[in-house]
C-alpha atoms as a PDB file:
ATOM      1  CA  MET A   1       0.000   0.000   0.000  1.00  0.00           C
ATOM      2  CA  GLU A   2       1.362   3.390  -0.960  1.00  0.00           C
ATOM      3  CA  ARG A   3       1.757   5.697   2.057  1.00  0.00           C
ATOM      4  CA  ASN A   4       0.351   8.828   0.456  1.00  0.00           C
ATOM      5  CA  ILE A   5      -2.961   7.282  -0.557  1.00  0.00           C
ATOM      6  CA  SER A   6      -5.747   7.737   1.974  1.00  0.00           C
ATOM      7  CA  LYS A   7      -7.950   4.920   3.205  1.00  0.00           C
ATOM      8  CA  SER A   8     -10.975   6.601   1.625  1.00  0.00           C
ATOM      9  CA  ALA A   9      -9.175   6.823  -1.740  1.00  0.00           C
ATOM     10  CA  LEU A  10      -8.464   3.093  -1.612  1.00  0.00           C
ATOM     11  CA  GLU A  11     -12.097   2.354  -0.715  1.00  0.00           C
ATOM     12  CA  LEU A  12     -13.230   4.653  -3.504  1.00  0.00           C
ATOM     13  CA  ARG A  13     -10.954   2.891  -5.979  1.00  0.00           C
ATOM     14  CA  GLU A  14     -12.436  -0.474  -4.996  1.00  0.00           C
ATOM     15  CA  LYS A  15     -16.023   0.746  -5.554  1.00  0.00           C
ATOM     16  CA  ILE A  16     -15.159   2.368  -8.886  1.00  0.00           C
ATOM     17  CA  GLU A  17     -13.290  -0.708 -10.125  1.00  0.00           C
ATOM     18  CA  LYS A  18     -16.389  -2.790  -9.386  1.00  0.00           C
ATOM     19  CA  ALA A  19     -18.475  -0.444 -11.560  1.00  0.00           C
ATOM     20  CA  ILE A  20     -15.854  -0.518 -14.315  1.00  0.00           C
ATOM     21  CA  GLN A  21     -15.813  -4.317 -14.374  1.00  0.00           C
ATOM     22  CA  SER A  22     -19.589  -4.575 -14.614  1.00  0.00           C
ATOM     23  CA  HIS A  23     -20.040  -1.423 -16.775  1.00  0.00           C
ATOM     24  CA  GLU A  24     -22.992  -0.610 -14.502  1.00  0.00           C
ATOM     25  CA  ILE A  25     -23.752   1.293 -11.329  1.00  0.00           C
ATOM     26  CA  THR A  26     -26.903   1.789  -9.319  1.00  0.00           C
ATOM     27  CA  ARG A  27     -27.914   5.154  -7.935  1.00  0.00           C
ATOM     28  CA  GLU A  28     -27.376   3.701  -4.456  1.00  0.00           C
ATOM     29  CA  ASP A  29     -23.787   2.684  -5.250  1.00  0.00           C
ATOM     30  CA  TYR A  30     -23.120   6.081  -6.810  1.00  0.00           C
ATOM     31  CA  ASP A  31     -24.380   7.735  -3.621  1.00  0.00           C
ATOM     32  CA  LYS A  32     -22.045   5.483  -1.590  1.00  0.00           C
ATOM     33  CA  ILE A  33     -19.124   6.655  -3.713  1.00  0.00           C
ATOM     34  CA  ILE A  34     -20.035  10.290  -3.092  1.00  0.00           C
ATOM     35  CA  HIS A  35     -20.334   9.542   0.634  1.00  0.00           C
ATOM     36  CA  ILE A  36     -16.870   7.949   0.701  1.00  0.00           C
ATOM     37  CA  ILE A  37     -15.404  11.028  -0.944  1.00  0.00           C
ATOM     38  CA  THR A  38     -17.047  13.507   1.414  1.00  0.00           C
ATOM     39  CA  GLU A  39     -17.125  11.643   4.744  1.00  0.00           C
ATOM     40  CA  ASP A  40     -13.736  12.888   5.977  1.00  0.00           C
ATOM     41  CA  GLY A  41     -14.439  16.480   4.934  1.00  0.00           C
ATOM     42  CA  HIS A  42     -11.440  16.566   2.604  1.00  0.00           C
ATOM     43  CA  ILE A  43     -11.154  15.493  -1.025  1.00  0.00           C
ATOM     44  CA  ASP A  44      -7.506  14.643  -1.675  1.00  0.00           C
ATOM     45  CA  HIS A  45      -5.870  14.642  -5.093  1.00  0.00           C
ATOM     46  CA  HIS A  46      -6.184  10.842  -5.474  1.00  0.00           C
ATOM     47  CA  GLU A  47      -9.919  11.022  -4.811  1.00  0.00           C
ATOM     48  CA  LYS A  48     -10.299  13.932  -7.246  1.00  0.00           C
ATOM     49  CA  ALA A  49      -8.496  12.018  -9.978  1.00  0.00           C
ATOM     50  CA  LEU A  50     -10.565   8.872  -9.402  1.00  0.00           C
ATOM     51  CA  LEU A  51     -13.819  10.818  -9.375  1.00  0.00           C
ATOM     52  CA  ARG A  52     -12.878  12.731 -12.538  1.00  0.00           C
ATOM     53  CA  GLU A  53     -12.116   9.508 -14.436  1.00  0.00           C
ATOM     54  CA  PHE A  54     -15.235   7.842 -13.067  1.00  0.00           C
ATOM     55  CA  GLN A  55     -17.446  10.737 -14.113  1.00  0.00           C
ATOM     56  CA  THR A  56     -15.877  10.727 -17.581  1.00  0.00           C
ATOM     57  CA  MET A  57     -16.721   7.035 -17.927  1.00  0.00           C
ATOM     58  CA  ILE A  58     -20.317   7.764 -16.931  1.00  0.00           C
ATOM     59  CA  ASP A  59     -20.507  10.707 -19.356  1.00  0.00           C
ATOM     60  CA  ASP A  60     -19.073   8.541 -22.139  1.00  0.00           C
ATOM     61  CA  ARG A  61     -21.536   5.756 -21.218  1.00  0.00           C
ATOM     62  CA  ASP A  62     -18.770   3.289 -20.518  1.00  0.00           C
ATOM     63  CA  ILE A  63     -20.572   2.890 -17.191  1.00  0.00           C
ATOM     64  CA  ARG A  64     -24.356   3.090 -17.202  1.00  0.00           C
ATOM     65  CA  PHE A  65     -26.826   3.694 -14.421  1.00  0.00           C
ATOM     66  CA  VAL A  66     -29.123   0.748 -13.781  1.00  0.00           C
ATOM     67  CA  LYS A  67     -31.995   0.123 -11.397  1.00  0.00           C
ATOM     68  CA  LYS A  68     -31.200  -1.754  -8.216  1.00  0.00           C
ATOM     69  CA  GLN A  69     -32.034  -5.423  -8.562  1.00  0.00           C
ATOM     70  CA  ILE A  70     -34.273  -6.820  -5.862  1.00  0.00           C
END
């Protein structure tokens, strides 16, 4: 584990990688990602970079929003 990467950035990366692998995300999972980013009150540069790439993938429809499966 790299020392300069925060715990929240690592958790964020894990959630985003899951969405990338499936090419899908639910609104609930997206909200969890936003919560991870904001819960410590500071958005570090790793989190910003991850969020920027993630949002680009959503905008480009590489990752699509889907309804939560029951």
